[in-house]
Amino acid sequence: MDKVYVHNELKQRGKTLYYHSVANSTIVIDFIVQTDDRIWPIEVKAEENPKSKSLRTFIQNNPDMKGARISMKGRMSQDWLLNLPLYDFKYDL
């Protein structure tokens, strides 16, 4: 349900959505969107203490990018990750 909500919010803003997966692997990025100044790989998690193994691996393979995780956890920024709360993310990307 959370992924559907995020999908609909991004589409309402006119974003073209892409999906990324790696053959013979569990690495999956839920959405990839482009804003005016960057490309955002996005993972959506329903938990408050989410793990983002796929997103971390994707960023390690693309070190010039920063990922976004949309979850129940509060707003947080790390060097490789911007965590946005599910209830508030629509104002940030």
PDB file of N, CA and C in Angstrom:
ATOM      1  N   MET A   1       0.818  -1.190   0.000  1.00  0.00           N
ATOM      2  CA  MET A   1       0.000   0.000   0.000  1.00  0.00           C
ATOM      3  C   MET A   1       0.867   1.261   0.000  1.00  0.00           C
ATOM      4  N   ASP A   2       1.972   1.248   0.747  1.00  0.00           N
ATOM      5  CA  ASP A   2       2.835   2.421   0.819  1.00  0.00           C
ATOM      6  C   ASP A   2       3.430   2.751  -0.551  1.00  0.00           C
ATOM      7  N   LYS A   3       3.823   1.723  -1.280  1.00  0.00           N
ATOM      8  CA  LYS A   3       4.397   1.949  -2.615  1.00  0.00           C
ATOM      9  C   LYS A   3       3.365   2.530  -3.569  1.00  0.00           C
ATOM     10  N   VAL A   4       2.122   2.110  -3.437  1.00  0.00           N
ATOM     11  CA  VAL A   4       1.053   2.648  -4.272  1.00  0.00           C
ATOM     12  C   VAL A   4       0.844   4.134  -3.964  1.00  0.00           C
ATOM     13  N   TYR A   5       0.839   4.477  -2.689  1.00  0.00           N
ATOM     14  CA  TYR A   5       0.680   5.874  -2.271  1.00  0.00           C
ATOM     15  C   TYR A   5       1.805   6.735  -2.851  1.00  0.00           C
ATOM     16  N   VAL A   6       3.044   6.282  -2.698  1.00  0.00           N
ATOM     17  CA  VAL A   6       4.194   7.034  -3.214  1.00  0.00           C
ATOM     18  C   VAL A   6       4.106   7.136  -4.734  1.00  0.00           C
ATOM     19  N   HIS A   7       3.781   6.040  -5.399  1.00  0.00           N
ATOM     20  CA  HIS A   7       3.617   6.049  -6.856  1.00  0.00           C
ATOM     21  C   HIS A   7       2.611   7.117  -7.277  1.00  0.00           C
ATOM     22  N   ASN A   8       1.452   7.122  -6.640  1.00  0.00           N
ATOM     23  CA  ASN A   8       0.407   8.078  -7.000  1.00  0.00           C
ATOM     24  C   ASN A   8       0.820   9.518  -6.734  1.00  0.00           C
ATOM     25  N   GLU A   9       1.496   9.765  -5.627  1.00  0.00           N
ATOM     26  CA  GLU A   9       1.963  11.119  -5.311  1.00  0.00           C
ATOM     27  C   GLU A   9       2.973  11.605  -6.345  1.00  0.00           C
ATOM     28  N   LEU A  10       3.908  10.744  -6.718  1.00  0.00           N
ATOM     29  CA  LEU A  10       4.913  11.131  -7.709  1.00  0.00           C
ATOM     30  C   LEU A  10       4.280  11.376  -9.079  1.00  0.00           C
ATOM     31  N   LYS A  11       3.341  10.528  -9.463  1.00  0.00           N
ATOM     32  CA  LYS A  11       2.656  10.706 -10.749  1.00  0.00           C
ATOM     33  C   LYS A  11       1.839  11.995 -10.767  1.00  0.00           C
ATOM     34  N   GLN A  12       1.213  12.340  -9.644  1.00  0.00           N
ATOM     35  CA  GLN A  12       0.438  13.579  -9.566  1.00  0.00           C
ATOM     36  C   GLN A  12       1.321  14.803  -9.797  1.00  0.00           C
ATOM     37  N   ARG A  13       2.584  14.679  -9.439  1.00  0.00           N
ATOM     38  CA  ARG A  13       3.525  15.784  -9.654  1.00  0.00           C
ATOM     39  C   ARG A  13       4.138  15.752 -11.048  1.00  0.00           C
ATOM     40  N   GLY A  14       3.662  14.847 -11.883  1.00  0.00           N
ATOM     41  CA  GLY A  14       4.139  14.795 -13.257  1.00  0.00           C
ATOM     42  C   GLY A  14       5.473  14.101 -13.438  1.00  0.00           C
ATOM     43  N   LYS A  15       5.896  13.331 -12.468  1.00  0.00           N
ATOM     44  CA  LYS A  15       7.180  12.623 -12.560  1.00  0.00           C
ATOM     45  C   LYS A  15       7.042  11.379 -13.430  1.00  0.00           C
ATOM     46  N   THR A  16       8.041  11.156 -14.268  1.00  0.00           N
ATOM     47  CA  THR A  16       8.164   9.900 -14.989  1.00  0.00           C
ATOM     48  C   THR A  16       8.866   8.936 -14.059  1.00  0.00           C
ATOM     49  N   LEU A  17       8.292   7.775 -13.861  1.00  0.00           N
ATOM     50  CA  LEU A  17       8.826   6.820 -12.895  1.00  0.00           C
ATOM     51  C   LEU A  17       9.541   5.682 -13.608  1.00  0.00           C
ATOM     52  N   TYR A  18      10.691   5.326 -13.076  1.00  0.00           N
ATOM     53  CA  TYR A  18      11.466   4.198 -13.574  1.00  0.00           C
ATOM     54  C   TYR A  18      11.676   3.230 -12.431  1.00  0.00           C
ATOM     55  N   TYR A  19      12.001   2.002 -12.764  1.00  0.00           N
ATOM     56  CA  TYR A  19      12.214   0.911 -11.815  1.00  0.00           C
ATOM     57  C   TYR A  19      13.565   0.300 -12.152  1.00  0.00           C
ATOM     58  N   HIS A  20      14.281  -0.179 -11.156  1.00  0.00           N
ATOM     59  CA  HIS A  20      15.594  -0.781 -11.409  1.00  0.00           C
ATOM     60  C   HIS A  20      15.699  -2.102 -10.666  1.00  0.00           C
ATOM     61  N   SER A  21      16.163  -3.136 -11.362  1.00  0.00           N
ATOM     62  CA  SER A  21      16.475  -4.412 -10.721  1.00  0.00           C
ATOM     63  C   SER A  21      17.707  -4.989 -11.391  1.00  0.00           C
ATOM     64  N   VAL A  22      18.371  -5.856 -10.694  1.00  0.00           N
ATOM     65  CA  VAL A  22      19.575  -6.508 -11.197  1.00  0.00           C
ATOM     66  C   VAL A  22      19.247  -7.979 -11.417  1.00  0.00           C
ATOM     67  N   ALA A  23      19.541  -8.477 -12.610  1.00  0.00           N
ATOM     68  CA  ALA A  23      19.266  -9.881 -12.932  1.00  0.00           C
ATOM     69  C   ALA A  23      19.986 -10.804 -11.956  1.00  0.00           C
ATOM     70  N   ASN A  24      19.333 -11.894 -11.579  1.00  0.00           N
ATOM     71  CA  ASN A  24      19.892 -12.899 -10.663  1.00  0.00           C
ATOM     72  C   ASN A  24      20.324 -12.287  -9.335  1.00  0.00           C
ATOM     73  N   SER A  25      19.555 -11.332  -8.846  1.00  0.00           N
ATOM     74  CA  SER A  25      19.893 -10.646  -7.610  1.00  0.00           C
ATOM     75  C   SER A  25      18.601 -10.215  -6.913  1.00  0.00           C
ATOM     76  N   THR A  26      18.715  -9.883  -5.634  1.00  0.00           N
ATOM     77  CA  THR A  26      17.567  -9.349  -4.906  1.00  0.00           C
ATOM     78  C   THR A  26      17.571  -7.826  -4.899  1.00  0.00           C
ATOM     79  N   ILE A  27      18.503  -7.200  -5.605  1.00  0.00           N
ATOM     80  CA  ILE A  27      18.599  -5.742  -5.623  1.00  0.00           C
ATOM     81  C   ILE A  27      17.480  -5.170  -6.487  1.00  0.00           C
ATOM     82  N   VAL A  28      16.633  -4.372  -5.828  1.00  0.00           N
ATOM     83  CA  VAL A  28      15.496  -3.735  -6.497  1.00  0.00           C
ATOM     84  C   VAL A  28      15.371  -2.309  -5.963  1.00  0.00           C
ATOM     85  N   ILE A  29      15.251  -1.346  -6.867  1.00  0.00           N
ATOM     86  CA  ILE A  29      14.972   0.039  -6.487  1.00  0.00           C
ATOM     87  C   ILE A  29      13.535   0.307  -6.912  1.00  0.00           C
ATOM     88  N   ASP A  30      12.705   0.719  -5.951  1.00  0.00           N
ATOM     89  CA  ASP A  30      11.276   0.870  -6.209  1.00  0.00           C
ATOM     90  C   ASP A  30      10.977   1.903  -7.287  1.00  0.00           C
ATOM     91  N   PHE A  31      11.594   3.063  -7.199  1.00  0.00           N
ATOM     92  CA  PHE A  31      11.375   4.135  -8.167  1.00  0.00           C
ATOM     93  C   PHE A  31      12.681   4.867  -8.432  1.00  0.00           C
ATOM     94  N   ILE A  32      12.824   5.355  -9.632  1.00  0.00           N
ATOM     95  CA  ILE A  32      13.888   6.298  -9.963  1.00  0.00           C
ATOM     96  C   ILE A  32      13.204   7.473 -10.641  1.00  0.00           C
ATOM     97  N   VAL A  33      13.425   8.670 -10.104  1.00  0.00           N
ATOM     98  CA  VAL A  33      12.811   9.871 -10.668  1.00  0.00           C
ATOM     99  C   VAL A  33      13.883  10.938 -10.876  1.00  0.00           C
ATOM    100  N   GLN A  34      13.591  11.838 -11.800  1.00  0.00           N
ATOM    101  CA  GLN A  34      14.505  12.952 -12.050  1.00  0.00           C
ATOM    102  C   GLN A  34      13.834  14.242 -11.615  1.00  0.00           C
ATOM    103  N   THR A  35      14.575  15.053 -10.852  1.00  0.00           N
ATOM    104  CA  THR A  35      14.115  16.392 -10.502  1.00  0.00           C
ATOM    105  C   THR A  35      14.941  17.365 -11.332  1.00  0.00           C
ATOM    106  N   ASP A  36      14.785  18.640 -11.077  1.00  0.00           N
ATOM    107  CA  ASP A  36      15.519  19.633 -11.856  1.00  0.00           C
ATOM    108  C   ASP A  36      17.031  19.446 -11.788  1.00  0.00           C
ATOM    109  N   ASP A  37      17.531  19.055 -10.632  1.00  0.00           N
ATOM    110  CA  ASP A  37      18.983  19.038 -10.453  1.00  0.00           C
ATOM    111  C   ASP A  37      19.595  17.670 -10.172  1.00  0.00           C
ATOM    112  N   ARG A  38      18.797  16.615 -10.085  1.00  0.00           N
ATOM    113  CA  ARG A  38      19.383  15.302  -9.790  1.00  0.00           C
ATOM    114  C   ARG A  38      18.448  14.163 -10.134  1.00  0.00           C
ATOM    115  N   ILE A  39      19.024  12.975 -10.110  1.00  0.00           N
ATOM    116  CA  ILE A  39      18.259  11.738 -10.271  1.00  0.00           C
ATOM    117  C   ILE A  39      18.214  11.071  -8.900  1.00  0.00           C
ATOM    118  N   TRP A  40      17.022  10.671  -8.478  1.00  0.00           N
ATOM    119  CA  TRP A  40      16.823  10.078  -7.167  1.00  0.00           C
ATOM    120  C   TRP A  40      16.418   8.613  -7.276  1.00  0.00           C
ATOM    121  N   PRO A  41      17.248   7.682  -6.801  1.00  0.00           N
ATOM    122  CA  PRO A  41      16.772   6.314  -6.597  1.00  0.00           C
ATOM    123  C   PRO A  41      15.996   6.304  -5.271  1.00  0.00           C
ATOM    124  N   ILE A  42      14.820   5.697  -5.271  1.00  0.00           N
ATOM    125  CA  ILE A  42      13.933   5.755  -4.101  1.00  0.00           C
ATOM    126  C   ILE A  42      13.527   4.349  -3.682  1.00  0.00           C
ATOM    127  N   GLU A  43      13.628   4.095  -2.386  1.00  0.00           N
ATOM    128  CA  GLU A  43      13.065   2.883  -1.796  1.00  0.00           C
ATOM    129  C   GLU A  43      11.959   3.289  -0.843  1.00  0.00           C
ATOM    130  N   VAL A  44      10.890   2.528  -0.841  1.00  0.00           N
ATOM    131  CA  VAL A  44       9.761   2.774   0.047  1.00  0.00           C
ATOM    132  C   VAL A  44       9.702   1.622   1.047  1.00  0.00           C
ATOM    133  N   LYS A  45       9.679   1.961   2.322  1.00  0.00           N
ATOM    134  CA  LYS A  45       9.648   0.960   3.393  1.00  0.00           C
ATOM    135  C   LYS A  45       8.502   1.263   4.345  1.00  0.00           C
ATOM    136  N   ALA A  46       7.796   0.243   4.771  1.00  0.00           N
ATOM    137  CA  ALA A  46       6.667   0.420   5.686  1.00  0.00           C
ATOM    138  C   ALA A  46       7.100   0.458   7.143  1.00  0.00           C
ATOM    139  N   GLU A  47       8.343   0.114   7.428  1.00  0.00           N
ATOM    140  CA  GLU A  47       8.799   0.020   8.808  1.00  0.00           C
ATOM    141  C   GLU A  47       9.377   1.343   9.305  1.00  0.00           C
ATOM    142  N   GLU A  48       9.504   1.439  10.638  1.00  0.00           N
ATOM    143  CA  GLU A  48      10.153   2.605  11.235  1.00  0.00           C
ATOM    144  C   GLU A  48      11.665   2.406  11.304  1.00  0.00           C
ATOM    145  N   ASN A  49      12.134   1.164  11.393  1.00  0.00           N
ATOM    146  CA  ASN A  49      13.567   0.853  11.429  1.00  0.00           C
ATOM    147  C   ASN A  49      13.937   0.047  10.184  1.00  0.00           C
ATOM    148  N   PRO A  50      13.860   0.682   9.026  1.00  0.00           N
ATOM    149  CA  PRO A  50      14.062  -0.063   7.779  1.00  0.00           C
ATOM    150  C   PRO A  50      15.528  -0.303   7.450  1.00  0.00           C
ATOM    151  N   LYS A  51      15.774  -1.356   6.750  1.00  0.00           N
ATOM    152  CA  LYS A  51      17.081  -1.627   6.156  1.00  0.00           C
ATOM    153  C   LYS A  51      16.965  -1.255   4.684  1.00  0.00           C
ATOM    154  N   SER A  52      18.026  -0.763   4.113  1.00  0.00           N
ATOM    155  CA  SER A  52      17.996  -0.357   2.709  1.00  0.00           C
ATOM    156  C   SER A  52      19.178  -0.961   1.965  1.00  0.00           C
ATOM    157  N   LYS A  53      19.276  -2.285   2.015  1.00  0.00           N
ATOM    158  CA  LYS A  53      20.406  -2.967   1.395  1.00  0.00           C
ATOM    159  C   LYS A  53      20.483  -2.690  -0.112  1.00  0.00           C
ATOM    160  N   SER A  54      19.363  -2.780  -0.805  1.00  0.00           N
ATOM    161  CA  SER A  54      19.363  -2.539  -2.246  1.00  0.00           C
ATOM    162  C   SER A  54      19.774  -1.106  -2.569  1.00  0.00           C
ATOM    163  N   LEU A  55      19.221  -0.158  -1.827  1.00  0.00           N
ATOM    164  CA  LEU A  55      19.549   1.246  -2.069  1.00  0.00           C
ATOM    165  C   LEU A  55      21.010   1.523  -1.754  1.00  0.00           C
ATOM    166  N   ARG A  56      21.512   0.973  -0.652  1.00  0.00           N
ATOM    167  CA  ARG A  56      22.924   1.171  -0.294  1.00  0.00           C
ATOM    168  C   ARG A  56      23.837   0.597  -1.381  1.00  0.00           C
ATOM    169  N   THR A  57      23.527  -0.587  -1.866  1.00  0.00           N
ATOM    170  CA  THR A  57      24.328  -1.207  -2.928  1.00  0.00           C
ATOM    171  C   THR A  57      24.278  -0.368  -4.199  1.00  0.00           C
ATOM    172  N   PHE A  58      23.101   0.124  -4.553  1.00  0.00           N
ATOM    173  CA  PHE A  58      22.956   0.966  -5.737  1.00  0.00           C
ATOM    174  C   PHE A  58      23.813   2.223  -5.617  1.00  0.00           C
ATOM    175  N   ILE A  59      23.798   2.856  -4.455  1.00  0.00           N
ATOM    176  CA  ILE A  59      24.584   4.086  -4.241  1.00  0.00           C
ATOM    177  C   ILE A  59      26.073   3.765  -4.225  1.00  0.00           C
ATOM    178  N   GLN A  60      26.471   2.647  -3.654  1.00  0.00           N
ATOM    179  CA  GLN A  60      27.885   2.265  -3.688  1.00  0.00           C
ATOM    180  C   GLN A  60      28.370   2.079  -5.121  1.00  0.00           C
ATOM    181  N   ASN A  61      27.492   1.597  -5.995  1.00  0.00           N
ATOM    182  CA  ASN A  61      27.838   1.427  -7.406  1.00  0.00           C
ATOM    183  C   ASN A  61      27.695   2.710  -8.215  1.00  0.00           C
ATOM    184  N   ASN A  62      27.054   3.719  -7.634  1.00  0.00           N
ATOM    185  CA  ASN A  62      26.850   5.024  -8.277  1.00  0.00           C
ATOM    186  C   ASN A  62      27.141   6.115  -7.257  1.00  0.00           C
ATOM    187  N   PRO A  63      28.408   6.280  -6.857  1.00  0.00           N
ATOM    188  CA  PRO A  63      28.746   7.144  -5.724  1.00  0.00           C
ATOM    189  C   PRO A  63      28.452   8.631  -5.924  1.00  0.00           C
ATOM    190  N   ASP A  64      28.181   9.052  -7.132  1.00  0.00           N
ATOM    191  CA  ASP A  64      27.834  10.457  -7.363  1.00  0.00           C
ATOM    192  C   ASP A  64      26.368  10.743  -7.048  1.00  0.00           C
ATOM    193  N   MET A  65      25.603   9.727  -6.700  1.00  0.00           N
ATOM    194  CA  MET A  65      24.177   9.882  -6.408  1.00  0.00           C
ATOM    195  C   MET A  65      23.912   9.829  -4.907  1.00  0.00           C
ATOM    196  N   LYS A  66      22.760  10.343  -4.528  1.00  0.00           N
ATOM    197  CA  LYS A  66      22.256  10.220  -3.161  1.00  0.00           C
ATOM    198  C   LYS A  66      20.881   9.589  -3.272  1.00  0.00           C
ATOM    199  N   GLY A  67      20.584   8.634  -2.417  1.00  0.00           N
ATOM    200  CA  GLY A  67      19.313   7.941  -2.464  1.00  0.00           C
ATOM    201  C   GLY A  67      18.291   8.555  -1.529  1.00  0.00           C
ATOM    202  N   ALA A  68      17.041   8.226  -1.773  1.00  0.00           N
ATOM    203  CA  ALA A  68      15.949   8.651  -0.903  1.00  0.00           C
ATOM    204  C   ALA A  68      15.199   7.407  -0.428  1.00  0.00           C
ATOM    205  N   ARG A  69      14.945   7.367   0.857  1.00  0.00           N
ATOM    206  CA  ARG A  69      14.128   6.295   1.433  1.00  0.00           C
ATOM    207  C   ARG A  69      12.899   6.962   2.034  1.00  0.00           C
ATOM    208  N   ILE A  70      11.749   6.475   1.681  1.00  0.00           N
ATOM    209  CA  ILE A  70      10.499   6.983   2.222  1.00  0.00           C
ATOM    210  C   ILE A  70       9.975   5.908   3.158  1.00  0.00           C
ATOM    211  N   SER A  71       9.841   6.270   4.447  1.00  0.00           N
ATOM    212  CA  SER A  71       9.487   5.273   5.449  1.00  0.00           C
ATOM    213  C   SER A  71       8.726   5.926   6.599  1.00  0.00           C
ATOM    214  N   MET A  72       8.440   5.137   7.614  1.00  0.00           N
ATOM    215  CA  MET A  72       7.773   5.646   8.806  1.00  0.00           C
ATOM    216  C   MET A  72       8.755   6.347   9.741  1.00  0.00           C
ATOM    217  N   LYS A  73      10.029   6.246   9.452  1.00  0.00           N
ATOM    218  CA  LYS A  73      11.062   6.901  10.252  1.00  0.00           C
ATOM    219  C   LYS A  73      11.013   8.403   9.982  1.00  0.00           C
ATOM    220  N   GLY A  74      11.466   9.188  10.918  1.00  0.00           N
ATOM    221  CA  GLY A  74      11.469  10.635  10.745  1.00  0.00           C
ATOM    222  C   GLY A  74      12.502  11.110   9.731  1.00  0.00           C
ATOM    223  N   ARG A  75      12.502  12.407   9.474  1.00  0.00           N
ATOM    224  CA  ARG A  75      13.437  13.016   8.532  1.00  0.00           C
ATOM    225  C   ARG A  75      14.864  12.842   9.044  1.00  0.00           C
ATOM    226  N   MET A  76      15.745  12.425   8.120  1.00  0.00           N
ATOM    227  CA  MET A  76      17.139  12.192   8.469  1.00  0.00           C
ATOM    228  C   MET A  76      17.964  12.290   7.192  1.00  0.00           C
ATOM    229  N   SER A  77      19.136  12.874   7.292  1.00  0.00           N
ATOM    230  CA  SER A  77      20.012  12.957   6.129  1.00  0.00           C
ATOM    231  C   SER A  77      21.380  12.405   6.494  1.00  0.00           C
ATOM    232  N   GLN A  78      21.894  11.539   5.635  1.00  0.00           N
ATOM    233  CA  GLN A  78      23.242  11.019   5.754  1.00  0.00           C
ATOM    234  C   GLN A  78      23.957  11.371   4.461  1.00  0.00           C
ATOM    235  N   ASP A  79      25.236  11.082   4.375  1.00  0.00           N
ATOM    236  CA  ASP A  79      25.960  11.434   3.157  1.00  0.00           C
ATOM    237  C   ASP A  79      25.418  10.710   1.938  1.00  0.00           C
ATOM    238  N   TRP A  80      24.887   9.517   2.075  1.00  0.00           N
ATOM    239  CA  TRP A  80      24.404   8.732   0.934  1.00  0.00           C
ATOM    240  C   TRP A  80      22.882   8.618   0.866  1.00  0.00           C
ATOM    241  N   LEU A  81      22.169   9.098   1.900  1.00  0.00           N
ATOM    242  CA  LEU A  81      20.746   8.824   2.027  1.00  0.00           C
ATOM    243  C   LEU A  81      19.988  10.001   2.625  1.00  0.00           C
ATOM    244  N   LEU A  82      18.844  10.280   2.038  1.00  0.00           N
ATOM    245  CA  LEU A  82      17.877  11.210   2.617  1.00  0.00           C
ATOM    246  C   LEU A  82      16.650  10.389   2.976  1.00  0.00           C
ATOM    247  N   ASN A  83      16.326  10.310   4.265  1.00  0.00           N
ATOM    248  CA  ASN A  83      15.121   9.601   4.686  1.00  0.00           C
ATOM    249  C   ASN A  83      14.005  10.616   4.847  1.00  0.00           C
ATOM    250  N   LEU A  84      12.900  10.342   4.197  1.00  0.00           N
ATOM    251  CA  LEU A  84      11.730  11.217   4.266  1.00  0.00           C
ATOM    252  C   LEU A  84      10.570  10.453   4.866  1.00  0.00           C
ATOM    253  N   PRO A  85       9.856  11.056   5.825  1.00  0.00           N
ATOM    254  CA  PRO A  85       8.705  10.372   6.399  1.00  0.00           C
ATOM    255  C   PRO A  85       7.596  10.222   5.371  1.00  0.00           C
ATOM    256  N   LEU A  86       6.941   9.096   5.389  1.00  0.00           N
ATOM    257  CA  LEU A  86       5.880   8.802   4.433  1.00  0.00           C
ATOM    258  C   LEU A  86       4.814   9.893   4.426  1.00  0.00           C
ATOM    259  N   TYR A  87       4.463  10.404   5.599  1.00  0.00           N
ATOM    260  CA  TYR A  87       3.396  11.406   5.706  1.00  0.00           C
ATOM    261  C   TYR A  87       3.807  12.773   5.166  1.00  0.00           C
ATOM    262  N   ASP A  88       5.099  12.972   4.843  1.00  0.00           N
ATOM    263  CA  ASP A  88       5.579  14.325   4.536  1.00  0.00           C
ATOM    264  C   ASP A  88       6.477  14.385   3.310  1.00  0.00           C
ATOM    265  N   PHE A  89       6.710  13.271   2.634  1.00  0.00           N
ATOM    266  CA  PHE A  89       7.714  13.265   1.583  1.00  0.00           C
ATOM    267  C   PHE A  89       7.329  14.090   0.357  1.00  0.00           C
ATOM    268  N   LYS A  90       6.060  14.281   0.125  1.00  0.00           N
ATOM    269  CA  LYS A  90       5.632  14.878  -1.131  1.00  0.00           C
ATOM    270  C   LYS A  90       6.128  16.298  -1.330  1.00  0.00           C
ATOM    271  N   TYR A  91       6.637  16.925  -0.294  1.00  0.00           N
ATOM    272  CA  TYR A  91       7.128  18.296  -0.422  1.00  0.00           C
ATOM    273  C   TYR A  91       8.619  18.368  -0.671  1.00  0.00           C
ATOM    274  N   ASP A  92       9.294  17.223  -0.748  1.00  0.00           N
ATOM    275  CA  ASP A  92      10.752  17.225  -0.764  1.00  0.00           C
ATOM    276  C   ASP A  92      11.413  16.807  -2.068  1.00  0.00           C
ATOM    277  N   LEU A  93      10.802  16.019  -2.894  1.00  0.00           N
ATOM    278  CA  LEU A  93      11.458  15.573  -4.123  1.00  0.00           C
ATOM    279  C   LEU A  93      10.942  16.327  -5.319  1.00  0.00           C
TER     280      LEU A  93
END
